[in-house]
Amino acid sequence: MATQANGNHVNGTNGDSSARPKLRQEPLKNSGSIDHLEYVDVTPIIGREYSTAKLRDILDAPNSDQQLRDLAITICERGVVFFRAPQDDLTVAEQKHITYMLGKLTGRPEGHGLHVHPLYNDPNNIPMADGTTDPNIYVINSEAMKKLYKTMKDPARQLNEPRDLSREWHSDSLFENCPSDFSFLRMQDTPAAGGDTLWFSGYELYDRLSPSFRSYLETLTATCAQPVFKSACEAGGYAVTSPRGAPQNKDYEFAPSHPVVRTHPVTGWKSVFAAVGLHVSKIDNVYAGEDHMLRDYVMRVITRSHDCVARMHWTRQACAIWSNACTLHAATPDTHLVDGVRIGVRASGIGEVPYLDPASTGRREALGLPAI
């Protein structure tokens, strides 16, 4: 008997899938429309790299929507996909369209669209390469971000001590009531070395916990507060952007409670979601020492499991598209050691309010893989 969220219990089914409770949303099936694209899986657990594929060809295909839907399902199953060939023929409008359609074709709630960054009105929010700005595009610039987040404090860091890079792990927009579903980052320029991004599988993070510990985590939520947005707006004298991709994402509502373990709506697999990282401020309804113990242990599993990591060494105009519901990611802050500036443009969709479906299972169980 397994303990589920909110203290509910589900009886075992002895492997009889017909006796399983019905999922809130049935998993989507891949039709095979992009199977012709050349690829290599980054690891057996996470990631897929398309070495020669052009997103422009998917957009121009007569069955474009079918291919985008299958791409979305692939992303949700593999966590993240890389497009290595330069996507320099793709416009920003087309990048936004792809991000929007990935969610629309896989069940994104009606009325939800692309995220608008809370600090879009900040004067330090630098323009894209053509000099324009777009509310649905977040420009990642290693130098400009220092100004944009100058009010962010790191209380755990001591002067002249190395940075704790475990703080870099996060899922996009976890501070929103409705966080991001898909994110699409295209790197416009990058130094020859440095600035790699890492993704960790939330599916495998769940599967590597003992059944009893998983069951306990399934009863928990975490507060995902990000006070930097209010402090930045007050310091800069401008208004916070509102709404931000969904009616629920509004004003200064930057402290939602999300499930520590969630169900991915596209695959039906469980993933460790709001447990660690940049946007998680505390585990709810536990003592402070227990909060630290729980988060430290989850981070320990991450640091001991580099076989669950897909690492992208960026090249100009390469792209990564990922599912925030089943991955954490972290940029490597080492570009200050080399010449050049890391500049990328990112679009993110806004999905549903995260939930844990008691009828869902882990990835390994769903695929019939060994538990360990």
Protein backbone atom coordinates (compact mmCIF):
# COMPACT_ATOMS: atom_id res chain seq x y z
CA MET A 1 0.00 0.00 0.00
CA ALA A 2 1.50 3.33 -1.06
CA THR A 3 0.81 6.64 0.66
CA GLN A 4 -0.30 9.32 -1.79
CA ALA A 5 -0.68 13.09 -1.64
CA ASN A 6 -3.03 14.48 1.02
CA GLY A 7 -2.90 11.18 2.90
CA ASN A 8 -4.92 9.19 0.35
CA HIS A 9 -4.06 5.53 -0.19
CA VAL A 10 -4.18 3.42 -3.33
CA ASN A 11 -4.25 -0.36 -3.12
CA GLY A 12 -1.65 -2.30 -5.05
CA THR A 13 -2.74 -3.89 -8.34
CA ASN A 14 -0.24 -6.80 -8.52
CA GLY A 15 0.83 -5.64 -11.97
CA ASP A 16 -2.68 -5.71 -13.44
CA SER A 17 -2.75 -2.45 -15.42
CA SER A 18 -6.47 -2.85 -16.08
CA ALA A 19 -7.12 -2.48 -12.33
CA ARG A 20 -5.20 0.77 -12.02
CA PRO A 21 -7.14 3.93 -11.19
CA LYS A 22 -7.80 6.14 -14.20
CA LEU A 23 -5.36 8.98 -14.74
CA ARG A 24 -6.66 12.54 -14.59
CA GLN A 25 -5.24 13.00 -18.10
CA GLU A 26 -4.35 10.08 -20.33
CA PRO A 27 -0.73 10.06 -21.58
CA LEU A 28 -0.26 11.22 -25.15
CA LYS A 29 1.16 8.84 -27.76
CA ASN A 30 3.84 9.68 -30.30
CA SER A 31 2.71 9.11 -33.90
CA GLY A 32 6.25 8.73 -35.25
CA SER A 33 6.08 11.75 -37.57
CA ILE A 34 9.61 12.92 -36.65
CA ASP A 35 11.25 9.50 -36.50
CA HIS A 36 13.06 10.31 -39.75
CA LEU A 37 15.18 12.96 -38.02
CA GLU A 38 18.73 11.92 -37.20
CA TYR A 39 19.36 11.93 -33.45
CA VAL A 40 21.40 10.50 -30.61
CA ASP A 41 20.22 10.19 -27.03
CA VAL A 42 22.49 12.23 -24.76
CA THR A 43 22.27 9.58 -22.03
CA PRO A 44 20.01 6.53 -21.64
CA ILE A 45 18.00 8.50 -19.05
CA ILE A 46 17.72 12.09 -20.27
CA GLY A 47 18.22 14.21 -23.36
CA ARG A 48 18.15 13.82 -27.12
CA GLU A 49 20.27 15.71 -29.65
CA TYR A 50 19.17 16.28 -33.24
CA SER A 51 22.45 16.82 -35.02
CA THR A 52 21.26 18.05 -38.43
CA ALA A 53 17.53 18.81 -38.10
CA LYS A 54 16.22 22.30 -38.82
CA LEU A 55 13.17 23.57 -37.00
CA ARG A 56 12.36 25.57 -40.13
CA ASP A 57 11.69 22.26 -41.95
CA ILE A 58 9.22 21.21 -39.25
CA LEU A 59 7.39 24.54 -39.58
CA ASP A 60 7.27 24.21 -43.38
CA ALA A 61 6.10 20.58 -43.39
CA PRO A 62 2.52 19.87 -44.57
CA ASN A 63 1.94 18.02 -41.27
CA SER A 64 3.62 20.72 -39.17
CA ASP A 65 1.20 20.48 -36.24
CA GLN A 66 1.60 16.71 -36.07
CA GLN A 67 5.39 17.02 -36.07
CA LEU A 68 5.31 19.73 -33.39
CA ARG A 69 3.02 17.58 -31.25
CA ASP A 70 5.37 14.61 -31.57
CA LEU A 71 8.31 16.88 -30.78
CA ALA A 72 6.50 18.05 -27.63
CA ILE A 73 5.83 14.46 -26.54
CA THR A 74 9.48 13.57 -27.18
CA ILE A 75 10.59 16.53 -25.05
CA CYS A 76 8.27 15.44 -22.24
CA GLU A 77 9.60 11.88 -22.37
CA ARG A 78 13.30 12.75 -22.75
CA GLY A 79 13.21 15.92 -20.61
CA VAL A 80 15.21 18.09 -23.00
CA VAL A 81 16.16 18.05 -26.68
CA PHE A 82 19.04 19.85 -28.38
CA PHE A 83 19.16 21.10 -31.96
CA ARG A 84 22.86 21.29 -32.76
CA ALA A 85 22.73 22.62 -36.35
CA PRO A 86 22.63 26.44 -36.40
CA GLN A 87 18.99 27.57 -36.42
CA ASP A 88 19.92 30.98 -37.83
CA ASP A 89 17.05 30.91 -40.34
CA LEU A 90 14.49 30.90 -37.52
CA THR A 91 12.91 34.23 -36.60
CA VAL A 92 12.02 35.26 -33.06
CA ALA A 93 8.34 35.17 -34.04
CA GLU A 94 8.77 31.56 -35.18
CA GLN A 95 10.60 30.65 -31.97
CA LYS A 96 7.63 32.05 -30.03
CA HIS A 97 5.18 30.18 -32.28
CA ILE A 98 6.94 26.86 -31.70
CA THR A 99 6.95 27.40 -27.92
CA TYR A 100 3.26 28.31 -27.96
CA MET A 101 2.26 25.36 -30.15
CA LEU A 102 4.19 22.77 -28.12
CA GLY A 103 1.86 23.50 -25.22
CA LYS A 104 -1.30 24.11 -27.21
CA LEU A 105 -1.01 20.76 -29.00
CA THR A 106 -0.47 18.83 -25.74
CA GLY A 107 -3.25 20.21 -23.57
CA ARG A 108 -2.10 23.55 -22.18
CA PRO A 109 -5.09 25.20 -20.39
CA GLU A 110 -7.23 27.53 -22.47
CA GLY A 111 -6.24 31.17 -22.02
CA HIS A 112 -2.63 30.31 -21.09
CA GLY A 113 0.10 31.49 -23.45
CA LEU A 114 3.71 32.64 -23.29
CA HIS A 115 5.27 33.94 -20.10
CA VAL A 116 6.15 37.61 -19.65
CA HIS A 117 9.09 38.16 -17.31
CA PRO A 118 8.11 40.07 -14.13
CA LEU A 119 10.94 42.56 -14.72
CA TYR A 120 10.19 43.25 -18.38
CA ASN A 121 9.73 46.96 -17.56
CA ASP A 122 13.21 47.25 -16.02
CA PRO A 123 15.48 49.68 -17.96
CA ASN A 124 18.25 47.08 -17.62
CA ASN A 125 16.16 44.55 -19.53
CA ILE A 126 18.36 44.69 -22.62
CA PRO A 127 17.01 44.46 -26.17
CA MET A 128 17.56 41.65 -28.63
CA ALA A 129 20.28 41.78 -31.27
CA ASP A 130 18.09 43.88 -33.60
CA GLY A 131 17.58 46.52 -30.91
CA THR A 132 13.96 45.62 -30.16
CA THR A 133 12.32 44.12 -27.09
CA ASP A 134 9.52 41.57 -26.90
CA PRO A 135 7.42 40.88 -23.80
CA ASN A 136 7.51 37.13 -24.49
CA ILE A 137 11.28 36.95 -24.96
CA TYR A 138 13.75 36.92 -22.09
CA VAL A 139 17.22 37.96 -23.24
CA ILE A 140 19.92 36.04 -21.37
CA ASN A 141 23.05 38.15 -21.16
CA SER A 142 25.77 37.23 -18.69
CA GLU A 143 26.67 40.89 -18.08
CA ALA A 144 23.20 42.49 -18.07
CA MET A 145 21.83 39.96 -15.58
CA LYS A 146 24.18 41.30 -12.92
CA LYS A 147 22.36 44.66 -13.13
CA LEU A 148 18.89 43.15 -13.42
CA TYR A 149 19.26 41.07 -10.25
CA LYS A 150 21.41 43.43 -8.21
CA THR A 151 18.89 43.33 -5.33
CA MET A 152 19.02 39.51 -5.06
CA LYS A 153 20.72 38.38 -1.88
CA ASP A 154 22.52 35.11 -1.23
CA PRO A 155 22.34 34.77 2.57
CA ALA A 156 24.30 31.52 2.56
CA ARG A 157 27.35 32.96 0.78
CA GLN A 158 30.21 34.33 2.81
CA LEU A 159 32.62 36.95 1.55
CA ASN A 160 35.54 35.51 -0.43
CA GLU A 161 34.07 32.00 -0.43
CA PRO A 162 33.35 29.99 -3.59
CA ARG A 163 29.75 30.02 -4.81
CA ASP A 164 27.49 27.14 -3.92
CA LEU A 165 26.41 26.14 -7.42
CA SER A 166 23.69 23.84 -6.09
CA ARG A 167 21.62 27.03 -5.81
CA GLU A 168 21.61 27.31 -9.60
CA TRP A 169 19.27 24.33 -10.11
CA HIS A 170 15.70 25.38 -10.88
CA SER A 171 12.64 24.97 -13.08
CA ASP A 172 11.48 28.07 -14.92
CA SER A 173 8.84 30.32 -13.33
CA LEU A 174 8.40 28.14 -10.26
CA PHE A 175 7.59 31.40 -8.47
CA GLU A 176 4.35 31.69 -10.48
CA ASN A 177 1.00 30.15 -9.54
CA CYS A 178 1.11 28.52 -13.00
CA PRO A 179 4.78 27.79 -13.83
CA SER A 180 6.30 27.26 -17.25
CA ASP A 181 5.64 24.11 -19.24
CA PHE A 182 8.06 24.36 -22.20
CA SER A 183 11.10 26.61 -22.49
CA PHE A 184 12.98 27.25 -25.74
CA LEU A 185 16.45 28.79 -25.57
CA ARG A 186 18.44 29.77 -28.65
CA MET A 187 22.04 30.84 -28.04
CA GLN A 188 22.81 33.78 -30.32
CA ASP A 189 26.41 34.16 -29.23
CA THR A 190 28.66 32.32 -26.82
CA PRO A 191 32.33 32.08 -25.88
CA ALA A 192 34.25 29.11 -27.25
CA ALA A 193 34.29 27.64 -23.73
CA GLY A 194 32.13 28.10 -20.66
CA GLY A 195 28.47 28.73 -20.02
CA ASP A 196 27.30 25.13 -20.43
CA THR A 197 23.76 24.32 -19.24
CA LEU A 198 22.92 21.12 -17.37
CA TRP A 199 19.53 19.41 -17.07
CA PHE A 200 18.65 16.81 -14.43
CA SER A 201 15.80 14.31 -14.77
CA GLY A 202 13.06 14.83 -12.19
CA TYR A 203 11.64 11.45 -13.24
CA GLU A 204 14.83 9.65 -12.32
CA LEU A 205 15.21 11.72 -9.16
CA TYR A 206 11.85 10.33 -8.05
CA ASP A 207 12.74 6.76 -9.05
CA ARG A 208 16.03 6.84 -7.12
CA LEU A 209 14.27 7.44 -3.82
CA SER A 210 13.05 4.53 -1.70
CA PRO A 211 9.31 3.77 -2.01
CA SER A 212 8.61 4.90 1.56
CA PHE A 213 10.55 8.16 1.12
CA ARG A 214 8.79 8.87 -2.19
CA SER A 215 5.45 8.33 -0.46
CA TYR A 216 6.35 10.84 2.23
CA LEU A 217 7.49 13.45 -0.29
CA GLU A 218 4.19 13.00 -2.11
CA THR A 219 2.39 14.41 0.95
CA LEU A 220 4.45 17.64 0.90
CA THR A 221 4.29 21.02 -0.77
CA ALA A 222 6.94 23.72 -0.92
CA THR A 223 6.71 27.50 -0.88
CA CYS A 224 8.43 28.94 -3.95
CA ALA A 225 8.88 32.59 -2.99
CA GLN A 226 10.95 35.00 -5.07
CA PRO A 227 11.03 38.40 -3.31
CA VAL A 228 13.65 39.79 -5.70
CA PHE A 229 10.96 40.89 -8.14
CA LYS A 230 9.27 43.23 -5.68
CA SER A 231 12.57 44.61 -4.40
CA ALA A 232 13.81 45.19 -7.96
CA CYS A 233 10.60 47.02 -8.95
CA GLU A 234 10.73 49.20 -5.84
CA ALA A 235 14.41 49.99 -6.33
CA GLY A 236 13.90 50.80 -10.02
CA GLY A 237 10.63 52.68 -9.60
CA TYR A 238 8.67 50.74 -12.22
CA ALA A 239 5.62 48.47 -12.21
CA VAL A 240 5.79 44.71 -12.14
CA THR A 241 4.52 43.05 -15.30
CA SER A 242 1.02 41.63 -14.87
CA PRO A 243 -0.55 39.31 -15.94
CA ARG A 244 2.23 36.95 -16.99
CA GLY A 245 0.99 34.31 -19.42
CA ALA A 246 -2.06 33.23 -17.41
CA PRO A 247 -4.74 35.05 -15.41
CA GLN A 248 -3.45 33.42 -12.20
CA ASN A 249 0.04 34.92 -12.64
CA LYS A 250 -0.56 38.50 -11.56
CA ASP A 251 0.67 41.40 -9.43
CA TYR A 252 3.20 40.51 -6.71
CA GLU A 253 1.93 36.96 -6.22
CA PHE A 254 5.36 35.34 -6.13
CA ALA A 255 5.04 32.83 -3.28
CA PRO A 256 2.91 29.86 -4.40
CA SER A 257 3.01 26.44 -2.77
CA HIS A 258 3.68 23.66 -5.28
CA PRO A 259 3.76 19.88 -4.82
CA VAL A 260 7.19 18.47 -4.06
CA VAL A 261 6.26 15.57 -6.35
CA ARG A 262 4.04 16.25 -9.35
CA THR A 263 2.53 14.32 -12.24
CA HIS A 264 3.57 15.25 -15.76
CA PRO A 265 0.30 15.86 -17.66
CA VAL A 266 1.69 14.61 -20.99
CA THR A 267 3.40 11.37 -19.86
CA GLY A 268 1.54 10.58 -16.63
CA TRP A 269 4.88 9.99 -14.86
CA LYS A 270 5.80 11.29 -11.42
CA SER A 271 8.67 13.76 -11.08
CA VAL A 272 10.35 15.46 -8.13
CA PHE A 273 9.38 19.06 -8.79
CA ALA A 274 9.48 21.69 -6.02
CA ALA A 275 12.12 20.27 -3.70
CA VAL A 276 15.38 22.14 -4.23
CA GLY A 277 17.00 25.04 -5.98
CA LEU A 278 16.85 28.72 -6.68
CA HIS A 279 13.10 29.27 -6.30
CA VAL A 280 12.30 26.87 -3.43
CA SER A 281 12.32 28.78 -0.14
CA LYS A 282 11.00 26.12 2.25
CA ILE A 283 9.19 22.82 2.54
CA ASP A 284 5.78 23.56 4.04
CA ASN A 285 4.55 22.38 7.46
CA VAL A 286 7.82 20.89 8.71
CA TYR A 287 10.33 22.21 11.23
CA ALA A 288 13.26 24.26 9.96
CA GLY A 289 15.75 21.47 10.65
CA GLU A 290 13.56 18.96 8.81
CA ASP A 291 13.24 21.37 5.89
CA HIS A 292 17.01 21.64 5.56
CA MET A 293 17.46 17.88 5.99
CA LEU A 294 14.93 17.07 3.27
CA ARG A 295 16.30 19.55 0.76
CA ASP A 296 19.90 18.61 1.53
CA TYR A 297 19.15 14.96 0.94
CA VAL A 298 17.44 15.58 -2.40
CA MET A 299 20.40 17.71 -3.46
CA ARG A 300 22.73 14.93 -2.35
CA VAL A 301 20.94 12.53 -4.71
CA ILE A 302 21.43 15.05 -7.53
CA THR A 303 25.15 15.49 -6.88
CA ARG A 304 25.65 11.71 -6.65
CA SER A 305 23.82 10.94 -9.90
CA HIS A 306 25.63 12.52 -12.82
CA ASP A 307 24.25 9.77 -15.08
CA CYS A 308 20.95 11.66 -14.82
CA VAL A 309 22.45 14.82 -16.34
CA ALA A 310 22.31 16.05 -19.94
CA ARG A 311 24.93 18.75 -20.57
CA MET A 312 24.76 21.23 -23.42
CA HIS A 313 28.00 22.81 -24.61
CA TRP A 314 26.62 25.77 -26.49
CA THR A 315 27.54 26.69 -30.04
CA ARG A 316 26.21 29.68 -31.97
CA GLN A 317 22.53 29.39 -32.91
CA ALA A 318 22.15 25.98 -31.26
CA CYS A 319 18.85 25.46 -29.42
CA ALA A 320 17.54 23.58 -26.41
CA ILE A 321 13.87 22.96 -25.67
CA TRP A 322 12.86 21.38 -22.39
CA SER A 323 9.92 20.42 -20.20
CA ASN A 324 10.02 22.21 -16.86
CA ALA A 325 7.56 19.72 -15.35
CA CYS A 326 10.18 16.95 -15.33
CA THR A 327 13.59 18.63 -15.28
CA LEU A 328 15.72 20.99 -13.28
CA HIS A 329 18.42 22.94 -15.08
CA ALA A 330 21.42 25.04 -14.15
CA ALA A 331 23.70 27.34 -16.11
CA THR A 332 27.42 27.17 -15.42
CA PRO A 333 28.56 30.64 -14.27
CA ASP A 334 32.11 30.52 -15.61
CA THR A 335 32.03 32.83 -18.64
CA HIS A 336 33.86 35.52 -16.65
CA LEU A 337 36.98 33.38 -17.11
CA VAL A 338 37.00 33.72 -20.91
CA ASP A 339 36.59 36.40 -23.54
CA GLY A 340 33.16 36.94 -25.03
CA VAL A 341 29.60 37.30 -23.77
CA ARG A 342 26.95 34.60 -23.54
CA ILE A 343 23.74 35.90 -25.16
CA GLY A 344 20.58 33.89 -25.74
CA VAL A 345 16.88 34.44 -26.31
CA ARG A 346 14.34 32.35 -24.43
CA ALA A 347 10.60 31.90 -24.78
CA SER A 348 8.58 29.99 -22.18
CA GLY A 349 5.00 28.79 -22.16
CA ILE A 350 2.75 28.77 -19.11
CA GLY A 351 1.15 25.49 -18.14
CA GLU A 352 -1.35 24.33 -15.57
CA VAL A 353 -1.33 24.61 -11.80
CA PRO A 354 0.96 21.68 -10.86
CA TYR A 355 -0.79 18.64 -9.41
CA LEU A 356 -0.06 15.13 -8.18
CA ASP A 357 -2.36 12.49 -9.60
CA PRO A 358 -2.62 9.52 -7.17
CA ALA A 359 -3.12 7.24 -10.18
CA SER A 360 0.21 8.17 -11.78
CA THR A 361 3.41 6.14 -11.51
CA GLY A 362 7.13 6.65 -11.82
CA ARG A 363 8.81 6.51 -15.23
CA ARG A 364 10.59 3.24 -14.57
CA GLU A 365 7.41 1.50 -13.46
CA ALA A 366 5.49 2.84 -16.45
CA LEU A 367 8.15 1.63 -18.90
CA GLY A 368 8.71 -1.72 -17.16
CA LEU A 369 12.32 -0.85 -16.33
CA PRO A 370 14.23 -2.27 -13.32
CA ALA A 371 13.73 -0.25 -10.14
CA ILE A 372 17.50 0.31 -9.78
